[in-house]
Amino acid sequence: MYDMKFYTSMPSDLAPYFNEALESYRMEFAAGHLGKAWKHLENAHIIGQRYPYSHSSVHWKMLLFGIRIKSKKEIIGQIPRLVFGGVKSFVGKVPLGNPGGANVPALKSFPIEKSLQEIFKKSGVNL
């Protein structure tokens, strides 16, 4: 976990990458490519987890994904993440690199893939 300055909205240089990940999620899900769709949601979570609205919106989408695929584990796992994720972002305490799914501990940090590191770098966001 890391401490950071208080942020409420995503920097404008980072937002297009977040939106692209969500659009890729929608396209892959619509095509029935559930694994690829989920990966895009995880990427959106990592990109947006510092920002309360973005963080919460990804957890909402993850909850809906769990409902659509009828995964009790994901549904149950997303409820506390949805309730507390935005709050953790609001106070600047989120686990860096956490992909956000119920298959990983909610408070554990993870290494960030190089492709996502490049997105943060291009956007001027320090990790």
C-alpha atoms as a PDB file:
ATOM      1  CA  MET A   1       0.000   0.000   0.000  1.00  0.00           C
ATOM      2  CA  TYR A   2       1.190   3.492  -0.550  1.00  0.00           C
ATOM      3  CA  ASP A   3       0.372   6.960   0.644  1.00  0.00           C
ATOM      4  CA  MET A   4      -0.260   9.682  -1.852  1.00  0.00           C
ATOM      5  CA  LYS A   5      -1.705  13.119  -2.238  1.00  0.00           C
ATOM      6  CA  PHE A   6      -5.471  13.398  -2.155  1.00  0.00           C
ATOM      7  CA  TYR A   7      -6.894  12.860  -5.655  1.00  0.00           C
ATOM      8  CA  THR A   8     -10.544  12.913  -6.645  1.00  0.00           C
ATOM      9  CA  SER A   9     -10.418  12.857 -10.413  1.00  0.00           C
ATOM     10  CA  MET A  10      -8.216  11.050 -12.876  1.00  0.00           C
ATOM     11  CA  PRO A  11      -5.624  13.163 -14.714  1.00  0.00           C
ATOM     12  CA  SER A  12      -6.771  14.012 -18.236  1.00  0.00           C
ATOM     13  CA  ASP A  13      -3.676  12.344 -19.757  1.00  0.00           C
ATOM     14  CA  LEU A  14      -4.508   9.050 -18.005  1.00  0.00           C
ATOM     15  CA  ALA A  15      -8.273   8.987 -18.653  1.00  0.00           C
ATOM     16  CA  PRO A  16      -8.070   7.869 -22.319  1.00  0.00           C
ATOM     17  CA  TYR A  17      -6.180   4.707 -21.277  1.00  0.00           C
ATOM     18  CA  PHE A  18      -8.760   3.966 -18.601  1.00  0.00           C
ATOM     19  CA  ASN A  19     -11.597   4.479 -21.075  1.00  0.00           C
ATOM     20  CA  GLU A  20      -9.823   2.353 -23.686  1.00  0.00           C
ATOM     21  CA  ALA A  21      -9.514  -0.526 -21.201  1.00  0.00           C
ATOM     22  CA  LEU A  22     -13.242  -0.273 -20.417  1.00  0.00           C
ATOM     23  CA  GLU A  23     -14.171  -0.165 -24.101  1.00  0.00           C
ATOM     24  CA  SER A  24     -11.968  -3.197 -24.782  1.00  0.00           C
ATOM     25  CA  TYR A  25     -13.723  -4.943 -21.896  1.00  0.00           C
ATOM     26  CA  ARG A  26     -17.141  -4.204 -23.427  1.00  0.00           C
ATOM     27  CA  MET A  27     -16.087  -5.417 -26.861  1.00  0.00           C
ATOM     28  CA  GLU A  28     -14.505  -8.644 -25.611  1.00  0.00           C
ATOM     29  CA  PHE A  29     -17.415  -9.390 -23.306  1.00  0.00           C
ATOM     30  CA  ALA A  30     -19.905  -8.838 -26.133  1.00  0.00           C
ATOM     31  CA  ALA A  31     -17.860 -11.222 -28.296  1.00  0.00           C
ATOM     32  CA  GLY A  32     -17.968 -13.855 -25.563  1.00  0.00           C
ATOM     33  CA  HIS A  33     -14.247 -13.657 -24.809  1.00  0.00           C
ATOM     34  CA  LEU A  34     -14.640 -13.671 -21.046  1.00  0.00           C
ATOM     35  CA  GLY A  35     -10.961 -14.152 -20.148  1.00  0.00           C
ATOM     36  CA  LYS A  36      -9.857 -11.271 -22.347  1.00  0.00           C
ATOM     37  CA  ALA A  37     -12.736  -9.144 -21.100  1.00  0.00           C
ATOM     38  CA  TRP A  38     -11.751  -9.753 -17.479  1.00  0.00           C
ATOM     39  CA  LYS A  39      -8.107  -8.858 -18.187  1.00  0.00           C
ATOM     40  CA  HIS A  40      -9.224  -5.465 -19.528  1.00  0.00           C
ATOM     41  CA  LEU A  41     -11.269  -4.892 -16.358  1.00  0.00           C
ATOM     42  CA  GLU A  42      -8.207  -5.730 -14.267  1.00  0.00           C
ATOM     43  CA  ASN A  43      -6.156  -3.244 -16.285  1.00  0.00           C
ATOM     44  CA  ALA A  44      -8.836  -0.579 -15.850  1.00  0.00           C
ATOM     45  CA  HIS A  45      -8.761  -1.286 -12.110  1.00  0.00           C
ATOM     46  CA  ILE A  46      -5.001  -0.816 -11.907  1.00  0.00           C
ATOM     47  CA  ILE A  47      -5.161   2.381 -13.956  1.00  0.00           C
ATOM     48  CA  GLY A  48      -8.094   3.843 -12.018  1.00  0.00           C
ATOM     49  CA  GLN A  49      -7.568   2.566  -8.488  1.00  0.00           C
ATOM     50  CA  ARG A  50      -6.149   5.849  -7.176  1.00  0.00           C
ATOM     51  CA  TYR A  51      -9.284   7.772  -8.150  1.00  0.00           C
ATOM     52  CA  PRO A  52     -12.476   7.162  -6.118  1.00  0.00           C
ATOM     53  CA  TYR A  53     -15.062   7.346  -8.912  1.00  0.00           C
ATOM     54  CA  SER A  54     -13.001   5.323 -11.391  1.00  0.00           C
ATOM     55  CA  HIS A  55     -12.068   2.761  -8.768  1.00  0.00           C
ATOM     56  CA  SER A  56     -15.665   2.272  -7.656  1.00  0.00           C
ATOM     57  CA  SER A  57     -16.975   2.131 -11.216  1.00  0.00           C
ATOM     58  CA  VAL A  58     -14.590  -0.728 -12.077  1.00  0.00           C
ATOM     59  CA  HIS A  59     -15.660  -2.672  -8.994  1.00  0.00           C
ATOM     60  CA  TRP A  60     -19.288  -2.137 -10.055  1.00  0.00           C
ATOM     61  CA  LYS A  61     -18.448  -3.574 -13.481  1.00  0.00           C
ATOM     62  CA  MET A  62     -16.626  -6.486 -11.824  1.00  0.00           C
ATOM     63  CA  LEU A  63     -19.703  -7.158  -9.685  1.00  0.00           C
ATOM     64  CA  LEU A  64     -21.914  -7.122 -12.790  1.00  0.00           C
ATOM     65  CA  PHE A  65     -19.447  -9.438 -14.539  1.00  0.00           C
ATOM     66  CA  GLY A  66     -19.711 -11.839 -11.593  1.00  0.00           C
ATOM     67  CA  ILE A  67     -23.504 -11.713 -11.803  1.00  0.00           C
ATOM     68  CA  ARG A  68     -23.501 -12.292 -15.565  1.00  0.00           C
ATOM     69  CA  ILE A  69     -21.227 -15.332 -15.312  1.00  0.00           C
ATOM     70  CA  LYS A  70     -23.016 -16.522 -12.156  1.00  0.00           C
ATOM     71  CA  SER A  71     -19.860 -16.556 -10.014  1.00  0.00           C
ATOM     72  CA  LYS A  72     -20.814 -16.482  -6.342  1.00  0.00           C
ATOM     73  CA  LYS A  73     -17.165 -15.987  -5.401  1.00  0.00           C
ATOM     74  CA  GLU A  74     -16.860 -12.866  -7.568  1.00  0.00           C
ATOM     75  CA  ILE A  75     -20.208 -11.457  -6.464  1.00  0.00           C
ATOM     76  CA  ILE A  76     -19.446 -11.910  -2.767  1.00  0.00           C
ATOM     77  CA  GLY A  77     -15.867 -10.698  -3.226  1.00  0.00           C
ATOM     78  CA  GLN A  78     -16.856  -7.550  -5.080  1.00  0.00           C
ATOM     79  CA  ILE A  79     -19.392  -6.285  -2.554  1.00  0.00           C
ATOM     80  CA  PRO A  80     -16.850  -5.168   0.094  1.00  0.00           C
ATOM     81  CA  ARG A  81     -14.492  -3.950  -2.644  1.00  0.00           C
ATOM     82  CA  LEU A  82     -17.290  -1.843  -4.074  1.00  0.00           C
ATOM     83  CA  VAL A  83     -18.183  -0.440  -0.651  1.00  0.00           C
ATOM     84  CA  PHE A  84     -14.628   0.304   0.505  1.00  0.00           C
ATOM     85  CA  GLY A  85     -12.561   0.670  -2.680  1.00  0.00           C
ATOM     86  CA  GLY A  86     -13.571   4.248  -3.394  1.00  0.00           C
ATOM     87  CA  VAL A  87     -13.041   5.186   0.239  1.00  0.00           C
ATOM     88  CA  LYS A  88      -9.536   3.741   0.170  1.00  0.00           C
ATOM     89  CA  SER A  89      -8.838   5.771  -2.981  1.00  0.00           C
ATOM     90  CA  PHE A  90     -10.281   8.880  -1.371  1.00  0.00           C
ATOM     91  CA  VAL A  91      -7.859   8.656   1.552  1.00  0.00           C
ATOM     92  CA  GLY A  92      -4.929   7.606  -0.658  1.00  0.00           C
ATOM     93  CA  LYS A  93      -4.436   4.054   0.619  1.00  0.00           C
ATOM     94  CA  VAL A  94      -4.719   1.486  -2.157  1.00  0.00           C
ATOM     95  CA  PRO A  95      -2.554  -1.568  -2.868  1.00  0.00           C
ATOM     96  CA  LEU A  96      -0.433  -0.674  -5.876  1.00  0.00           C
ATOM     97  CA  GLY A  97      -0.996  -2.960  -8.858  1.00  0.00           C
ATOM     98  CA  ASN A  98      -3.835  -4.947  -7.318  1.00  0.00           C
ATOM     99  CA  PRO A  99      -6.030  -6.248 -10.188  1.00  0.00           C
ATOM    100  CA  GLY A 100      -9.226  -5.977  -8.110  1.00  0.00           C
ATOM    101  CA  GLY A 101     -10.801  -9.401  -8.558  1.00  0.00           C
ATOM    102  CA  ALA A 102     -12.052 -11.694  -5.828  1.00  0.00           C
ATOM    103  CA  ASN A 103      -9.333 -14.166  -6.811  1.00  0.00           C
ATOM    104  CA  VAL A 104      -6.657 -12.002  -5.127  1.00  0.00           C
ATOM    105  CA  PRO A 105      -6.390 -10.544  -1.606  1.00  0.00           C
ATOM    106  CA  ALA A 106      -8.027  -7.116  -1.558  1.00  0.00           C
ATOM    107  CA  LEU A 107      -5.180  -5.395   0.273  1.00  0.00           C
ATOM    108  CA  LYS A 108      -2.181  -7.010  -1.452  1.00  0.00           C
ATOM    109  CA  SER A 109       0.062  -5.033  -3.802  1.00  0.00           C
ATOM    110  CA  PHE A 110       1.274  -6.621  -7.036  1.00  0.00           C
ATOM    111  CA  PRO A 111       3.964  -5.797  -9.588  1.00  0.00           C
ATOM    112  CA  ILE A 112       2.622  -3.640 -12.406  1.00  0.00           C
ATOM    113  CA  GLU A 113       3.049  -5.028 -15.921  1.00  0.00           C
ATOM    114  CA  LYS A 114       5.443  -3.117 -18.149  1.00  0.00           C
ATOM    115  CA  SER A 115       2.656  -2.106 -20.560  1.00  0.00           C
ATOM    116  CA  LEU A 116       0.759  -0.441 -17.705  1.00  0.00           C
ATOM    117  CA  GLN A 117       3.949   1.129 -16.351  1.00  0.00           C
ATOM    118  CA  GLU A 118       4.383   2.732 -19.778  1.00  0.00           C
ATOM    119  CA  ILE A 119       0.835   4.113 -19.625  1.00  0.00           C
ATOM    120  CA  PHE A 120       1.550   5.757 -16.272  1.00  0.00           C
ATOM    121  CA  LYS A 121       4.860   7.096 -17.566  1.00  0.00           C
ATOM    122  CA  LYS A 122       3.281   8.547 -20.752  1.00  0.00           C
ATOM    123  CA  SER A 123       0.575  10.130 -18.606  1.00  0.00           C
ATOM    124  CA  GLY A 124       3.036  11.707 -16.186  1.00  0.00           C
ATOM    125  CA  VAL A 125       1.694   9.685 -13.249  1.00  0.00           C
ATOM    126  CA  ASN A 126       4.356   8.542 -10.790  1.00  0.00           C
ATOM    127  CA  LEU A 127       4.004   5.082  -9.314  1.00  0.00           C
END
